[in-house]
Amino acid sequence: MRKLLTGYVVKFNRRHKRYGHLFQNRYRSIICEDDPYLLELTRYIHLNPIRGGIVDDLIGLNKYPWTGHSAIMGSVRRDWQDTDTVLTYFGNRKKGAILRYEMFVKEGLSQVLSLRRKGTKVASDERILGSSEFIQDLLSEAEARERETLRLSARIFDLASLARGIAEGEGITQSELRSGGRKSHVSRARKIFCQVAVKKMGHSGAEVARFLGVTTSAVNRAANSEEIVDMSYYS
């Protein structure tokens, strides 16, 4: 990022015959909960043009070229943007997934418009992007997650150890766990593995996917499925 910004500043200054800094302060990343909060974070970011009054409604947002939302909706062609990661959460058929994604964004729109009309101030944290309720919930959940992660880390240090424990507990081999097989007892064990690894131990979906030899979207679906299995045995 530093190389990108430096190169842009040099070319900008030459073009406009100016000197000095173009951007104040360094680029700073924001900590967020990677996989579990991907959809909330995506919706929050994509509603920013409406929140800031740049566009007025969802119709304008769908065509607004300066966010990833328009590419996900298919209104703007942007070959380099990964849209499948988000759309996978809303279904396997692209057309239906786009419609369900649009409804998901629309659900957050009414609150944004209401707060903008009222000029209401909401709770904020510079480390997190989200609504007031989202930030408060995330902070409280993060504290509980940190305590649980520290407790689990004392017993299970890596994915290999976790795989061994779950395979033994579910009565399968580690090879079956990582085989991609679709038998019900194997799928159950793999779901437990994904949920414990991502939600309890804090591993990223991509890291777990590499270990299992499956796609990141498959891991994310298993980790965030509505049916959260009882993981007390493995804690």
C-alpha atoms as a PDB file:
ATOM      1  CA  MET A   1       0.000   0.000   0.000  1.00  0.00           C
ATOM      2  CA  ARG A   2       2.842   2.401   0.799  1.00  0.00           C
ATOM      3  CA  LYS A   3       4.423   1.799  -2.629  1.00  0.00           C
ATOM      4  CA  LEU A   4       1.068   2.343  -4.328  1.00  0.00           C
ATOM      5  CA  LEU A   5       0.390   5.628  -2.520  1.00  0.00           C
ATOM      6  CA  THR A   6       3.958   6.897  -3.015  1.00  0.00           C
ATOM      7  CA  GLY A   7       3.835   6.194  -6.744  1.00  0.00           C
ATOM      8  CA  TYR A   8       0.489   7.944  -7.074  1.00  0.00           C
ATOM      9  CA  VAL A   9       1.693  11.008  -5.158  1.00  0.00           C
ATOM     10  CA  VAL A  10       4.843  11.339  -7.307  1.00  0.00           C
ATOM     11  CA  LYS A  11       2.849  11.192 -10.556  1.00  0.00           C
ATOM     12  CA  PHE A  12       0.162  13.528  -9.214  1.00  0.00           C
ATOM     13  CA  ASN A  13       2.729  16.123  -8.132  1.00  0.00           C
ATOM     14  CA  ARG A  14       4.504  15.996 -11.491  1.00  0.00           C
ATOM     15  CA  ARG A  15       1.246  16.349 -13.396  1.00  0.00           C
ATOM     16  CA  HIS A  16       0.084  19.339 -11.361  1.00  0.00           C
ATOM     17  CA  LYS A  17       3.564  20.845 -10.805  1.00  0.00           C
ATOM     18  CA  ARG A  18       3.294  20.737  -7.032  1.00  0.00           C
ATOM     19  CA  TYR A  19       5.412  19.509  -4.108  1.00  0.00           C
ATOM     20  CA  GLY A  20       4.881  17.943  -0.703  1.00  0.00           C
ATOM     21  CA  HIS A  21       2.488  15.481   0.854  1.00  0.00           C
ATOM     22  CA  LEU A  22      -0.764  14.615  -0.861  1.00  0.00           C
ATOM     23  CA  PHE A  23      -2.153  12.347   1.870  1.00  0.00           C
ATOM     24  CA  GLN A  24      -1.850  13.175   5.554  1.00  0.00           C
ATOM     25  CA  ASN A  25      -0.661  10.387   7.852  1.00  0.00           C
ATOM     26  CA  ARG A  26       0.086   6.800   6.873  1.00  0.00           C
ATOM     27  CA  TYR A  27      -2.309   4.230   5.536  1.00  0.00           C
ATOM     28  CA  ARG A  28      -3.931   2.387   8.442  1.00  0.00           C
ATOM     29  CA  SER A  29      -5.791  -0.897   8.355  1.00  0.00           C
ATOM     30  CA  ILE A  30      -8.822  -1.477  10.547  1.00  0.00           C
ATOM     31  CA  ILE A  31      -9.207  -4.604  12.632  1.00  0.00           C
ATOM     32  CA  CYS A  32     -12.420  -6.476  12.003  1.00  0.00           C
ATOM     33  CA  GLU A  33     -13.773  -9.962  12.566  1.00  0.00           C
ATOM     34  CA  ASP A  34     -12.807 -11.602   9.270  1.00  0.00           C
ATOM     35  CA  ASP A  35     -15.283 -14.309   8.283  1.00  0.00           C
ATOM     36  CA  PRO A  36     -18.181 -14.158  10.769  1.00  0.00           C
ATOM     37  CA  TYR A  37     -18.762 -10.431  10.159  1.00  0.00           C
ATOM     38  CA  LEU A  38     -17.968 -10.295   6.434  1.00  0.00           C
ATOM     39  CA  LEU A  39     -21.555  -9.640   5.346  1.00  0.00           C
ATOM     40  CA  GLU A  40     -22.239  -6.969   7.972  1.00  0.00           C
ATOM     41  CA  LEU A  41     -18.986  -5.234   7.120  1.00  0.00           C
ATOM     42  CA  THR A  42     -19.690  -5.458   3.379  1.00  0.00           C
ATOM     43  CA  ARG A  43     -23.151  -3.949   3.794  1.00  0.00           C
ATOM     44  CA  TYR A  44     -21.854  -1.178   6.033  1.00  0.00           C
ATOM     45  CA  ILE A  45     -19.126  -0.156   3.566  1.00  0.00           C
ATOM     46  CA  HIS A  46     -21.397  -0.323   0.530  1.00  0.00           C
ATOM     47  CA  LEU A  47     -24.010   1.889   2.201  1.00  0.00           C
ATOM     48  CA  ASN A  48     -21.451   4.641   2.824  1.00  0.00           C
ATOM     49  CA  PRO A  49     -22.371   6.633  -0.345  1.00  0.00           C
ATOM     50  CA  ILE A  50     -25.972   6.859   0.921  1.00  0.00           C
ATOM     51  CA  ARG A  51     -24.819   7.529   4.467  1.00  0.00           C
ATOM     52  CA  GLY A  52     -22.685  10.395   3.175  1.00  0.00           C
ATOM     53  CA  GLY A  53     -25.405  11.802   0.919  1.00  0.00           C
ATOM     54  CA  ILE A  54     -23.518  11.085  -2.327  1.00  0.00           C
ATOM     55  CA  VAL A  55     -26.405   9.008  -3.688  1.00  0.00           C
ATOM     56  CA  ASP A  56     -30.010   9.163  -2.547  1.00  0.00           C
ATOM     57  CA  ASP A  57     -31.325   5.623  -2.730  1.00  0.00           C
ATOM     58  CA  LEU A  58     -30.638   2.013  -3.592  1.00  0.00           C
ATOM     59  CA  ILE A  59     -31.260   2.594  -7.305  1.00  0.00           C
ATOM     60  CA  GLY A  60     -28.500   5.190  -7.364  1.00  0.00           C
ATOM     61  CA  LEU A  61     -26.245   2.973  -5.275  1.00  0.00           C
ATOM     62  CA  ASN A  62     -26.667   0.038  -7.662  1.00  0.00           C
ATOM     63  CA  LYS A  63     -25.162   2.156 -10.458  1.00  0.00           C
ATOM     64  CA  TYR A  64     -22.618   4.092  -8.394  1.00  0.00           C
ATOM     65  CA  PRO A  65     -19.222   3.123  -9.905  1.00  0.00           C
ATOM     66  CA  TRP A  66     -16.955   3.914  -6.951  1.00  0.00           C
ATOM     67  CA  THR A  67     -17.856   1.036  -4.619  1.00  0.00           C
ATOM     68  CA  GLY A  68     -17.792  -2.737  -4.969  1.00  0.00           C
ATOM     69  CA  HIS A  69     -21.586  -2.873  -4.609  1.00  0.00           C
ATOM     70  CA  SER A  70     -22.260  -2.036  -8.253  1.00  0.00           C
ATOM     71  CA  ALA A  71     -19.935  -4.845  -9.385  1.00  0.00           C
ATOM     72  CA  ILE A  72     -21.657  -7.365  -7.107  1.00  0.00           C
ATOM     73  CA  MET A  73     -25.002  -6.245  -8.547  1.00  0.00           C
ATOM     74  CA  GLY A  74     -23.624  -6.698 -12.080  1.00  0.00           C
ATOM     75  CA  SER A  75     -24.249  -3.055 -13.019  1.00  0.00           C
ATOM     76  CA  VAL A  76     -20.541  -2.328 -13.452  1.00  0.00           C
ATOM     77  CA  ARG A  77     -18.130  -4.788 -15.052  1.00  0.00           C
ATOM     78  CA  ARG A  78     -14.960  -5.089 -12.970  1.00  0.00           C
ATOM     79  CA  ASP A  79     -13.074  -8.283 -13.821  1.00  0.00           C
ATOM     80  CA  TRP A  80     -10.502  -7.897 -11.076  1.00  0.00           C
ATOM     81  CA  GLN A  81     -13.060  -7.710  -8.267  1.00  0.00           C
ATOM     82  CA  ASP A  82     -13.971 -10.913  -6.454  1.00  0.00           C
ATOM     83  CA  THR A  83     -17.761 -10.910  -6.214  1.00  0.00           C
ATOM     84  CA  ASP A  84     -18.247 -14.643  -5.701  1.00  0.00           C
ATOM     85  CA  THR A  85     -17.046 -14.616  -2.073  1.00  0.00           C
ATOM     86  CA  VAL A  86     -19.990 -12.423  -1.054  1.00  0.00           C
ATOM     87  CA  LEU A  87     -22.593 -13.889  -3.414  1.00  0.00           C
ATOM     88  CA  THR A  88     -21.809 -17.444  -2.275  1.00  0.00           C
ATOM     89  CA  TYR A  89     -23.456 -16.614   1.052  1.00  0.00           C
ATOM     90  CA  PHE A  90     -26.745 -15.928  -0.748  1.00  0.00           C
ATOM     91  CA  GLY A  91     -27.006 -19.006  -2.946  1.00  0.00           C
ATOM     92  CA  ASN A  92     -25.385 -21.051  -5.680  1.00  0.00           C
ATOM     93  CA  ARG A  93     -27.290 -19.519  -8.601  1.00  0.00           C
ATOM     94  CA  LYS A  94     -25.901 -16.097  -9.401  1.00  0.00           C
ATOM     95  CA  LYS A  95     -29.144 -14.383 -10.398  1.00  0.00           C
ATOM     96  CA  GLY A  96     -30.941 -15.470  -7.240  1.00  0.00           C
ATOM     97  CA  ALA A  97     -27.912 -14.687  -5.095  1.00  0.00           C
ATOM     98  CA  ILE A  98     -27.783 -11.126  -6.451  1.00  0.00           C
ATOM     99  CA  LEU A  99     -31.464 -10.591  -5.614  1.00  0.00           C
ATOM    100  CA  ARG A 100     -31.027 -11.901  -2.079  1.00  0.00           C
ATOM    101  CA  TYR A 101     -27.874  -9.813  -1.609  1.00  0.00           C
ATOM    102  CA  GLU A 102     -29.778  -6.697  -2.744  1.00  0.00           C
ATOM    103  CA  MET A 103     -32.525  -7.434  -0.207  1.00  0.00           C
ATOM    104  CA  PHE A 104     -29.871  -7.844   2.495  1.00  0.00           C
ATOM    105  CA  VAL A 105     -28.438  -4.399   1.661  1.00  0.00           C
ATOM    106  CA  LYS A 106     -31.947  -2.938   1.519  1.00  0.00           C
ATOM    107  CA  GLU A 107     -32.651  -4.193   5.058  1.00  0.00           C
ATOM    108  CA  GLY A 108     -29.867  -1.954   6.360  1.00  0.00           C
ATOM    109  CA  LEU A 109     -30.920   1.021   4.240  1.00  0.00           C
ATOM    110  CA  SER A 110     -33.931   2.152   6.305  1.00  0.00           C
ATOM    111  CA  GLN A 111     -31.814   2.633   9.424  1.00  0.00           C
ATOM    112  CA  VAL A 112     -29.192   4.595   7.491  1.00  0.00           C
ATOM    113  CA  LEU A 113     -31.806   6.944   5.990  1.00  0.00           C
ATOM    114  CA  SER A 114     -33.537   7.391   9.369  1.00  0.00           C
ATOM    115  CA  LEU A 115     -30.291   8.286  11.156  1.00  0.00           C
ATOM    116  CA  ARG A 116     -29.296  10.649   8.328  1.00  0.00           C
ATOM    117  CA  ARG A 117     -32.616  12.502   8.507  1.00  0.00           C
ATOM    118  CA  LYS A 118     -32.463  12.799  12.294  1.00  0.00           C
ATOM    119  CA  GLY A 119     -28.767  13.621  12.416  1.00  0.00           C
ATOM    120  CA  THR A 120     -28.452  11.001  15.157  1.00  0.00           C
ATOM    121  CA  LYS A 121     -25.004  10.278  16.529  1.00  0.00           C
ATOM    122  CA  VAL A 122     -24.197   6.637  17.127  1.00  0.00           C
ATOM    123  CA  ALA A 123     -21.583   4.755  19.090  1.00  0.00           C
ATOM    124  CA  SER A 124     -18.302   4.351  17.210  1.00  0.00           C
ATOM    125  CA  ASP A 125     -14.904   2.767  17.520  1.00  0.00           C
ATOM    126  CA  GLU A 126     -12.069   3.707  15.156  1.00  0.00           C
ATOM    127  CA  ARG A 127     -11.013   0.067  14.923  1.00  0.00           C
ATOM    128  CA  ILE A 128     -14.412  -1.204  13.713  1.00  0.00           C
ATOM    129  CA  LEU A 129     -16.771  -0.415  10.860  1.00  0.00           C
ATOM    130  CA  GLY A 130     -20.456  -0.965  11.657  1.00  0.00           C
ATOM    131  CA  SER A 131     -23.668   0.414  13.091  1.00  0.00           C
ATOM    132  CA  SER A 132     -23.900   1.464  16.721  1.00  0.00           C
ATOM    133  CA  GLU A 133     -25.477  -1.848  17.749  1.00  0.00           C
ATOM    134  CA  PHE A 134     -22.999  -3.795  15.610  1.00  0.00           C
ATOM    135  CA  ILE A 135     -20.031  -2.106  17.278  1.00  0.00           C
ATOM    136  CA  GLN A 136     -21.356  -2.623  20.798  1.00  0.00           C
ATOM    137  CA  ASP A 137     -22.184  -6.274  20.125  1.00  0.00           C
ATOM    138  CA  LEU A 138     -18.837  -6.873  18.453  1.00  0.00           C
ATOM    139  CA  LEU A 139     -16.859  -5.395  21.328  1.00  0.00           C
ATOM    140  CA  SER A 140     -18.664  -7.500  23.916  1.00  0.00           C
ATOM    141  CA  GLU A 141     -18.411 -10.632  21.798  1.00  0.00           C
ATOM    142  CA  ALA A 142     -14.739  -9.946  21.119  1.00  0.00           C
ATOM    143  CA  GLU A 143     -14.015  -9.939  24.841  1.00  0.00           C
ATOM    144  CA  ALA A 144     -15.768 -13.272  25.305  1.00  0.00           C
ATOM    145  CA  ARG A 145     -14.088 -14.681  22.195  1.00  0.00           C
ATOM    146  CA  GLU A 146     -10.673 -13.602  23.431  1.00  0.00           C
ATOM    147  CA  ARG A 147     -11.183 -15.353  26.761  1.00  0.00           C
ATOM    148  CA  GLU A 148     -12.405 -18.509  25.028  1.00  0.00           C
ATOM    149  CA  THR A 149      -9.554 -18.439  22.507  1.00  0.00           C
ATOM    150  CA  LEU A 150      -6.963 -18.104  25.255  1.00  0.00           C
ATOM    151  CA  ARG A 151      -8.543 -21.008  27.110  1.00  0.00           C
ATOM    152  CA  LEU A 152      -8.607 -23.223  24.025  1.00  0.00           C
ATOM    153  CA  SER A 153      -5.118 -22.227  22.920  1.00  0.00           C
ATOM    154  CA  ALA A 154      -3.758 -23.670  26.111  1.00  0.00           C
ATOM    155  CA  ARG A 155      -5.020 -27.099  25.023  1.00  0.00           C
ATOM    156  CA  ILE A 156      -5.047 -27.037  21.202  1.00  0.00           C
ATOM    157  CA  PHE A 157      -2.232 -25.239  19.415  1.00  0.00           C
ATOM    158  CA  ASP A 158      -2.758 -25.938  15.725  1.00  0.00           C
ATOM    159  CA  LEU A 159      -5.151 -27.287  13.115  1.00  0.00           C
ATOM    160  CA  ALA A 160      -3.440 -30.685  13.006  1.00  0.00           C
ATOM    161  CA  SER A 161      -4.055 -31.219  16.721  1.00  0.00           C
ATOM    162  CA  LEU A 162      -7.655 -30.076  16.343  1.00  0.00           C
ATOM    163  CA  ALA A 163      -8.176 -32.447  13.399  1.00  0.00           C
ATOM    164  CA  ARG A 164      -6.788 -35.357  15.392  1.00  0.00           C
ATOM    165  CA  GLY A 165      -9.061 -34.633  18.372  1.00  0.00           C
ATOM    166  CA  ILE A 166     -12.225 -34.214  16.282  1.00  0.00           C
ATOM    167  CA  ALA A 167     -11.501 -37.273  14.141  1.00  0.00           C
ATOM    168  CA  GLU A 168     -11.104 -39.405  17.259  1.00  0.00           C
ATOM    169  CA  GLY A 169     -14.227 -37.925  18.876  1.00  0.00           C
ATOM    170  CA  GLU A 170     -16.367 -38.509  15.777  1.00  0.00           C
ATOM    171  CA  GLY A 171     -14.997 -41.977  15.045  1.00  0.00           C
ATOM    172  CA  ILE A 172     -13.396 -41.241  11.675  1.00  0.00           C
ATOM    173  CA  THR A 173      -9.850 -41.037  10.377  1.00  0.00           C
ATOM    174  CA  GLN A 174      -8.025 -37.789   9.706  1.00  0.00           C
ATOM    175  CA  SER A 175      -7.802 -38.817   6.051  1.00  0.00           C
ATOM    176  CA  GLU A 176     -11.605 -38.993   5.896  1.00  0.00           C
ATOM    177  CA  LEU A 177     -11.873 -35.579   7.530  1.00  0.00           C
ATOM    178  CA  ARG A 178      -9.657 -34.080   4.829  1.00  0.00           C
ATOM    179  CA  SER A 179     -10.928 -36.186   1.929  1.00  0.00           C
ATOM    180  CA  GLY A 180     -13.906 -34.066   0.898  1.00  0.00           C
ATOM    181  CA  GLY A 181     -16.214 -37.069   1.337  1.00  0.00           C
ATOM    182  CA  ARG A 182     -19.935 -36.345   1.667  1.00  0.00           C
ATOM    183  CA  LYS A 183     -21.061 -39.091   4.026  1.00  0.00           C
ATOM    184  CA  SER A 184     -23.180 -37.597   6.791  1.00  0.00           C
ATOM    185  CA  HIS A 185     -20.844 -38.478   9.662  1.00  0.00           C
ATOM    186  CA  VAL A 186     -17.829 -37.135   7.753  1.00  0.00           C
ATOM    187  CA  SER A 187     -19.666 -33.925   6.820  1.00  0.00           C
ATOM    188  CA  ARG A 188     -20.672 -33.460  10.451  1.00  0.00           C
ATOM    189  CA  ALA A 189     -17.079 -33.840  11.611  1.00  0.00           C
ATOM    190  CA  ARG A 190     -15.890 -31.389   8.981  1.00  0.00           C
ATOM    191  CA  LYS A 191     -18.535 -28.860  10.060  1.00  0.00           C
ATOM    192  CA  ILE A 192     -17.420 -29.188  13.670  1.00  0.00           C
ATOM    193  CA  PHE A 193     -13.818 -28.716  12.578  1.00  0.00           C
ATOM    194  CA  CYS A 194     -14.655 -25.533  10.635  1.00  0.00           C
ATOM    195  CA  GLN A 195     -16.775 -24.064  13.427  1.00  0.00           C
ATOM    196  CA  VAL A 196     -14.218 -24.751  16.152  1.00  0.00           C
ATOM    197  CA  ALA A 197     -11.265 -23.605  14.031  1.00  0.00           C
ATOM    198  CA  VAL A 198     -12.912 -20.367  12.820  1.00  0.00           C
ATOM    199  CA  LYS A 199     -15.335 -19.386  15.571  1.00  0.00           C
ATOM    200  CA  LYS A 200     -13.515 -20.715  18.633  1.00  0.00           C
ATOM    201  CA  MET A 201      -9.835 -20.652  17.737  1.00  0.00           C
ATOM    202  CA  GLY A 202      -9.796 -17.608  15.441  1.00  0.00           C
ATOM    203  CA  HIS A 203      -8.276 -19.237  12.336  1.00  0.00           C
ATOM    204  CA  SER A 204      -9.186 -17.613   9.024  1.00  0.00           C
ATOM    205  CA  GLY A 205     -11.449 -19.382   6.566  1.00  0.00           C
ATOM    206  CA  ALA A 206      -8.654 -19.408   3.985  1.00  0.00           C
ATOM    207  CA  GLU A 207      -6.241 -21.074   6.407  1.00  0.00           C
ATOM    208  CA  VAL A 208      -8.746 -23.780   7.303  1.00  0.00           C
ATOM    209  CA  ALA A 209      -9.577 -24.288   3.617  1.00  0.00           C
ATOM    210  CA  ARG A 210      -5.930 -24.894   2.768  1.00  0.00           C
ATOM    211  CA  PHE A 211      -5.657 -27.438   5.558  1.00  0.00           C
ATOM    212  CA  LEU A 212      -8.770 -29.352   4.489  1.00  0.00           C
ATOM    213  CA  GLY A 213      -8.161 -29.000   0.762  1.00  0.00           C
ATOM    214  CA  VAL A 214     -11.530 -27.355   0.094  1.00  0.00           C
ATOM    215  CA  THR A 215     -12.651 -23.889  -0.979  1.00  0.00           C
ATOM    216  CA  THR A 216     -12.738 -20.930   1.392  1.00  0.00           C
ATOM    217  CA  SER A 217     -16.441 -20.403   0.674  1.00  0.00           C
ATOM    218  CA  ALA A 218     -17.176 -23.999   1.742  1.00  0.00           C
ATOM    219  CA  VAL A 219     -15.390 -23.427   5.049  1.00  0.00           C
ATOM    220  CA  ASN A 220     -17.202 -20.128   5.590  1.00  0.00           C
ATOM    221  CA  ARG A 221     -20.595 -21.729   4.961  1.00  0.00           C
ATOM    222  CA  ALA A 222     -19.855 -24.514   7.438  1.00  0.00           C
ATOM    223  CA  ALA A 223     -18.483 -22.149  10.071  1.00  0.00           C
ATOM    224  CA  ASN A 224     -21.392 -19.720   9.796  1.00  0.00           C
ATOM    225  CA  SER A 225     -24.226 -22.173   9.254  1.00  0.00           C
ATOM    226  CA  GLU A 226     -27.304 -21.556  11.359  1.00  0.00           C
ATOM    227  CA  GLU A 227     -27.071 -24.988  12.968  1.00  0.00           C
ATOM    228  CA  ILE A 228     -24.186 -24.475  15.396  1.00  0.00           C
ATOM    229  CA  VAL A 229     -23.218 -27.903  16.673  1.00  0.00           C
ATOM    230  CA  ASP A 230     -22.497 -28.567  20.336  1.00  0.00           C
ATOM    231  CA  MET A 231     -18.772 -27.961  20.674  1.00  0.00           C
ATOM    232  CA  SER A 232     -18.482 -28.314  24.442  1.00  0.00           C
ATOM    233  CA  TYR A 233     -16.891 -31.761  24.083  1.00  0.00           C
ATOM    234  CA  TYR A 234     -13.973 -30.235  22.196  1.00  0.00           C
ATOM    235  CA  SER A 235     -13.408 -27.330  24.575  1.00  0.00           C
END
